[in-house]
Amino acid sequence: MSNSEISKVLKSLYNNLVNEIDIQRGGSLDDSSQQLGDAVKAAVKDVYNEYCDPSDRIN
């Protein structure tokens, strides 16, 4: 897989995580589940930022 393909997969995964954890659950997660979700999102974001074009980085 090329960096472009990897970054597309990671961006899709990140967006799905944000949608599921932040939007769909809307605060219904307990604190430890929310912390775990936030940690997973941060890890996916960090890996995405390694593979994407610098102009496409997630802040």
PDB file of N, CA and C in Angstrom:
ATOM      1  N   MET A   1       0.840  -1.185   0.000  1.00  0.00           N
ATOM      2  CA  MET A   1       0.000   0.000   0.000  1.00  0.00           C
ATOM      3  C   MET A   1       0.880   1.242   0.000  1.00  0.00           C
ATOM      4  N   SER A   2       0.434   2.229  -0.705  1.00  0.00           N
ATOM      5  CA  SER A   2       1.159   3.497  -0.734  1.00  0.00           C
ATOM      6  C   SER A   2       0.761   4.348   0.475  1.00  0.00           C
ATOM      7  N   ASN A   3       1.542   5.382   0.745  1.00  0.00           N
ATOM      8  CA  ASN A   3       1.214   6.299   1.837  1.00  0.00           C
ATOM      9  C   ASN A   3      -0.155   6.928   1.625  1.00  0.00           C
ATOM     10  N   SER A   4      -0.483   7.230   0.389  1.00  0.00           N
ATOM     11  CA  SER A   4      -1.773   7.832   0.073  1.00  0.00           C
ATOM     12  C   SER A   4      -2.916   6.886   0.440  1.00  0.00           C
ATOM     13  N   GLU A   5      -2.766   5.620   0.098  1.00  0.00           N
ATOM     14  CA  GLU A   5      -3.803   4.634   0.424  1.00  0.00           C
ATOM     15  C   GLU A   5      -3.918   4.428   1.934  1.00  0.00           C
ATOM     16  N   ILE A   6      -2.785   4.367   2.597  1.00  0.00           N
ATOM     17  CA  ILE A   6      -2.785   4.207   4.048  1.00  0.00           C
ATOM     18  C   ILE A   6      -3.455   5.402   4.713  1.00  0.00           C
ATOM     19  N   SER A   7      -3.131   6.604   4.253  1.00  0.00           N
ATOM     20  CA  SER A   7      -3.720   7.790   4.875  1.00  0.00           C
ATOM     21  C   SER A   7      -5.228   7.851   4.648  1.00  0.00           C
ATOM     22  N   LYS A   8      -5.703   7.388   3.492  1.00  0.00           N
ATOM     23  CA  LYS A   8      -7.151   7.361   3.252  1.00  0.00           C
ATOM     24  C   LYS A   8      -7.854   6.425   4.225  1.00  0.00           C
ATOM     25  N   VAL A   9      -7.271   5.248   4.444  1.00  0.00           N
ATOM     26  CA  VAL A   9      -7.854   4.281   5.380  1.00  0.00           C
ATOM     27  C   VAL A   9      -7.848   4.851   6.798  1.00  0.00           C
ATOM     28  N   LEU A  10      -6.737   5.433   7.194  1.00  0.00           N
ATOM     29  CA  LEU A  10      -6.638   5.995   8.541  1.00  0.00           C
ATOM     30  C   LEU A  10      -7.589   7.170   8.739  1.00  0.00           C
ATOM     31  N   LYS A  11      -7.733   8.019   7.740  1.00  0.00           N
ATOM     32  CA  LYS A  11      -8.651   9.161   7.838  1.00  0.00           C
ATOM     33  C   LYS A  11     -10.082   8.658   7.975  1.00  0.00           C
ATOM     34  N   SER A  12     -10.450   7.641   7.215  1.00  0.00           N
ATOM     35  CA  SER A  12     -11.783   7.064   7.317  1.00  0.00           C
ATOM     36  C   SER A  12     -12.004   6.462   8.703  1.00  0.00           C
ATOM     37  N   LEU A  13     -11.022   5.739   9.207  1.00  0.00           N
ATOM     38  CA  LEU A  13     -11.107   5.160  10.538  1.00  0.00           C
ATOM     39  C   LEU A  13     -11.265   6.252  11.591  1.00  0.00           C
ATOM     40  N   TYR A  14     -10.461   7.299  11.500  1.00  0.00           N
ATOM     41  CA  TYR A  14     -10.547   8.412  12.457  1.00  0.00           C
ATOM     42  C   TYR A  14     -11.934   9.054  12.414  1.00  0.00           C
ATOM     43  N   ASN A  15     -12.430   9.333  11.218  1.00  0.00           N
ATOM     44  CA  ASN A  15     -13.751   9.952  11.101  1.00  0.00           C
ATOM     45  C   ASN A  15     -14.844   9.058  11.673  1.00  0.00           C
ATOM     46  N   ASN A  16     -14.735   7.754  11.446  1.00  0.00           N
ATOM     47  CA  ASN A  16     -15.713   6.826  12.011  1.00  0.00           C
ATOM     48  C   ASN A  16     -15.637   6.786  13.530  1.00  0.00           C
ATOM     49  N   LEU A  17     -14.433   6.835  14.068  1.00  0.00           N
ATOM     50  CA  LEU A  17     -14.285   6.867  15.524  1.00  0.00           C
ATOM     51  C   LEU A  17     -14.895   8.133  16.116  1.00  0.00           C
ATOM     52  N   VAL A  18     -14.618   9.269  15.499  1.00  0.00           N
ATOM     53  CA  VAL A  18     -15.195  10.528  15.977  1.00  0.00           C
ATOM     54  C   VAL A  18     -16.711  10.455  15.920  1.00  0.00           C
ATOM     55  N   ASN A  19     -17.229   9.948  14.818  1.00  0.00           N
ATOM     56  CA  ASN A  19     -18.673   9.846  14.664  1.00  0.00           C
ATOM     57  C   ASN A  19     -19.273   8.937  15.738  1.00  0.00           C
ATOM     58  N   GLU A  20     -18.681   7.785  15.929  1.00  0.00           N
ATOM     59  CA  GLU A  20     -19.234   6.822  16.882  1.00  0.00           C
ATOM     60  C   GLU A  20     -19.075   7.278  18.329  1.00  0.00           C
ATOM     61  N   ILE A  21     -17.887   7.740  18.680  1.00  0.00           N
ATOM     62  CA  ILE A  21     -17.594   8.066  20.076  1.00  0.00           C
ATOM     63  C   ILE A  21     -18.163   9.426  20.473  1.00  0.00           C
ATOM     64  N   ASP A  22     -17.962  10.429  19.651  1.00  0.00           N
ATOM     65  CA  ASP A  22     -18.355  11.786  20.035  1.00  0.00           C
ATOM     66  C   ASP A  22     -19.782  12.146  19.649  1.00  0.00           C
ATOM     67  N   ILE A  23     -20.213  11.719  18.475  1.00  0.00           N
ATOM     68  CA  ILE A  23     -21.507  12.164  17.970  1.00  0.00           C
ATOM     69  C   ILE A  23     -22.611  11.180  18.339  1.00  0.00           C
ATOM     70  N   GLN A  24     -22.438   9.912  17.996  1.00  0.00           N
ATOM     71  CA  GLN A  24     -23.487   8.923  18.238  1.00  0.00           C
ATOM     72  C   GLN A  24     -23.711   8.678  19.732  1.00  0.00           C
ATOM     73  N   ARG A  25     -22.647   8.586  20.478  1.00  0.00           N
ATOM     74  CA  ARG A  25     -22.768   8.296  21.918  1.00  0.00           C
ATOM     75  C   ARG A  25     -23.154   9.545  22.707  1.00  0.00           C
ATOM     76  N   GLY A  26     -22.778  10.705  22.226  1.00  0.00           N
ATOM     77  CA  GLY A  26     -23.190  11.978  22.812  1.00  0.00           C
ATOM     78  C   GLY A  26     -23.108  12.068  24.320  1.00  0.00           C
ATOM     79  N   GLY A  27     -22.017  11.649  24.905  1.00  0.00           N
ATOM     80  CA  GLY A  27     -21.839  11.776  26.341  1.00  0.00           C
ATOM     81  C   GLY A  27     -22.413  10.629  27.148  1.00  0.00           C
ATOM     82  N   SER A  28     -22.872   9.571  26.489  1.00  0.00           N
ATOM     83  CA  SER A  28     -23.463   8.448  27.220  1.00  0.00           C
ATOM     84  C   SER A  28     -22.431   7.430  27.704  1.00  0.00           C
ATOM     85  N   LEU A  29     -21.168   7.631  27.356  1.00  0.00           N
ATOM     86  CA  LEU A  29     -20.117   6.713  27.804  1.00  0.00           C
ATOM     87  C   LEU A  29     -19.672   7.078  29.219  1.00  0.00           C
ATOM     88  N   ASP A  30     -19.295   6.056  29.997  1.00  0.00           N
ATOM     89  CA  ASP A  30     -18.725   6.363  31.312  1.00  0.00           C
ATOM     90  C   ASP A  30     -17.317   6.928  31.105  1.00  0.00           C
ATOM     91  N   ASP A  31     -16.750   7.462  32.159  1.00  0.00           N
ATOM     92  CA  ASP A  31     -15.463   8.159  32.045  1.00  0.00           C
ATOM     93  C   ASP A  31     -14.349   7.283  31.481  1.00  0.00           C
ATOM     94  N   SER A  32     -14.250   6.044  31.944  1.00  0.00           N
ATOM     95  CA  SER A  32     -13.156   5.195  31.468  1.00  0.00           C
ATOM     96  C   SER A  32     -13.347   4.822  30.000  1.00  0.00           C
ATOM     97  N   SER A  33     -14.583   4.608  29.570  1.00  0.00           N
ATOM     98  CA  SER A  33     -14.839   4.310  28.159  1.00  0.00           C
ATOM     99  C   SER A  33     -14.544   5.516  27.288  1.00  0.00           C
ATOM    100  N   GLN A  34     -14.878   6.708  27.767  1.00  0.00           N
ATOM    101  CA  GLN A  34     -14.595   7.929  27.017  1.00  0.00           C
ATOM    102  C   GLN A  34     -13.092   8.153  26.909  1.00  0.00           C
ATOM    103  N   GLN A  35     -12.377   7.898  28.001  1.00  0.00           N
ATOM    104  CA  GLN A  35     -10.922   8.047  27.979  1.00  0.00           C
ATOM    105  C   GLN A  35     -10.280   7.070  27.011  1.00  0.00           C
ATOM    106  N   LEU A  36     -10.769   5.834  27.000  1.00  0.00           N
ATOM    107  CA  LEU A  36     -10.249   4.839  26.059  1.00  0.00           C
ATOM    108  C   LEU A  36     -10.535   5.265  24.627  1.00  0.00           C
ATOM    109  N   GLY A  37     -11.745   5.714  24.354  1.00  0.00           N
ATOM    110  CA  GLY A  37     -12.091   6.194  23.018  1.00  0.00           C
ATOM    111  C   GLY A  37     -11.224   7.351  22.588  1.00  0.00           C
ATOM    112  N   ASP A  38     -10.986   8.283  23.497  1.00  0.00           N
ATOM    113  CA  ASP A  38     -10.132   9.433  23.183  1.00  0.00           C
ATOM    114  C   ASP A  38      -8.697   8.997  22.901  1.00  0.00           C
ATOM    115  N   ALA A  39      -8.216   8.009  23.650  1.00  0.00           N
ATOM    116  CA  ALA A  39      -6.854   7.512  23.427  1.00  0.00           C
ATOM    117  C   ALA A  39      -6.730   6.824  22.076  1.00  0.00           C
ATOM    118  N   VAL A  40      -7.742   6.039  21.701  1.00  0.00           N
ATOM    119  CA  VAL A  40      -7.725   5.370  20.399  1.00  0.00           C
ATOM    120  C   VAL A  40      -7.770   6.405  19.277  1.00  0.00           C
ATOM    121  N   LYS A  41      -8.644   7.413  19.402  1.00  0.00           N
ATOM    122  CA  LYS A  41      -8.708   8.475  18.391  1.00  0.00           C
ATOM    123  C   LYS A  41      -7.364   9.186  18.262  1.00  0.00           C
ATOM    124  N   ALA A  42      -6.732   9.485  19.385  1.00  0.00           N
ATOM    125  CA  ALA A  42      -5.441  10.172  19.358  1.00  0.00           C
ATOM    126  C   ALA A  42      -4.375   9.316  18.680  1.00  0.00           C
ATOM    127  N   ALA A  43      -4.382   8.019  18.949  1.00  0.00           N
ATOM    128  CA  ALA A  43      -3.395   7.131  18.334  1.00  0.00           C
ATOM    129  C   ALA A  43      -3.593   7.054  16.827  1.00  0.00           C
ATOM    130  N   VAL A  44      -4.845   6.916  16.385  1.00  0.00           N
ATOM    131  CA  VAL A  44      -5.125   6.860  14.942  1.00  0.00           C
ATOM    132  C   VAL A  44      -4.738   8.185  14.293  1.00  0.00           C
ATOM    133  N   LYS A  45      -5.047   9.296  14.957  1.00  0.00           N
ATOM    134  CA  LYS A  45      -4.709  10.618  14.423  1.00  0.00           C
ATOM    135  C   LYS A  45      -3.193  10.758  14.267  1.00  0.00           C
ATOM    136  N   ASP A  46      -2.437  10.322  15.267  1.00  0.00           N
ATOM    137  CA  ASP A  46      -0.971  10.432  15.203  1.00  0.00           C
ATOM    138  C   ASP A  46      -0.401   9.623  14.041  1.00  0.00           C
ATOM    139  N   VAL A  47      -0.897   8.412  13.856  1.00  0.00           N
ATOM    140  CA  VAL A  47      -0.401   7.573  12.755  1.00  0.00           C
ATOM    141  C   VAL A  47      -0.818   8.176  11.414  1.00  0.00           C
ATOM    142  N   TYR A  48      -2.057   8.664  11.325  1.00  0.00           N
ATOM    143  CA  TYR A  48      -2.518   9.321  10.095  1.00  0.00           C
ATOM    144  C   TYR A  48      -1.590  10.486   9.750  1.00  0.00           C
ATOM    145  N   ASN A  49      -1.266  11.312  10.738  1.00  0.00           N
ATOM    146  CA  ASN A  49      -0.418  12.480  10.492  1.00  0.00           C
ATOM    147  C   ASN A  49       0.978  12.098  10.020  1.00  0.00           C
ATOM    148  N   GLU A  50       1.421  10.884  10.332  1.00  0.00           N
ATOM    149  CA  GLU A  50       2.726  10.415   9.842  1.00  0.00           C
ATOM    150  C   GLU A  50       2.677  10.095   8.347  1.00  0.00           C
ATOM    151  N   TYR A  51       1.540   9.612   7.859  1.00  0.00           N
ATOM    152  CA  TYR A  51       1.427   9.139   6.484  1.00  0.00           C
ATOM    153  C   TYR A  51       0.810  10.141   5.514  1.00  0.00           C
ATOM    154  N   CYS A  52       0.097  11.122   6.011  1.00  0.00           N
ATOM    155  CA  CYS A  52      -0.613  12.039   5.121  1.00  0.00           C
ATOM    156  C   CYS A  52       0.302  13.152   4.608  1.00  0.00           C
ATOM    157  N   ASP A  53      -0.192  13.869   3.630  1.00  0.00           N
ATOM    158  CA  ASP A  53       0.510  15.070   3.174  1.00  0.00           C
ATOM    159  C   ASP A  53       0.470  16.084   4.310  1.00  0.00           C
ATOM    160  N   PRO A  54       1.526  16.871   4.474  1.00  0.00           N
ATOM    161  CA  PRO A  54       1.561  17.850   5.569  1.00  0.00           C
ATOM    162  C   PRO A  54       0.355  18.809   5.563  1.00  0.00           C
ATOM    163  N   SER A  55      -0.172  19.119   4.404  1.00  0.00           N
ATOM    164  CA  SER A  55      -1.305  20.046   4.333  1.00  0.00           C
ATOM    165  C   SER A  55      -2.613  19.401   4.785  1.00  0.00           C
ATOM    166  N   ASP A  56      -2.639  18.075   4.931  1.00  0.00           N
ATOM    167  CA  ASP A  56      -3.856  17.352   5.299  1.00  0.00           C
ATOM    168  C   ASP A  56      -3.888  16.911   6.751  1.00  0.00           C
ATOM    169  N   ARG A  57      -2.927  17.361   7.531  1.00  0.00           N
ATOM    170  CA  ARG A  57      -2.838  16.904   8.925  1.00  0.00           C
ATOM    171  C   ARG A  57      -4.075  17.265   9.737  1.00  0.00           C
ATOM    172  N   ILE A  58      -4.413  16.370  10.672  1.00  0.00           N
ATOM    173  CA  ILE A  58      -5.497  16.620  11.619  1.00  0.00           C
ATOM    174  C   ILE A  58      -4.875  17.306  12.833  1.00  0.00           C
ATOM    175  N   ASN A  59      -5.466  18.393  13.250  1.00  0.00           N
ATOM    176  CA  ASN A  59      -4.939  19.111  14.426  1.00  0.00           C
ATOM    177  C   ASN A  59      -5.524  18.597  15.711  1.00  0.00           C
TER     178      ASN A  59
END
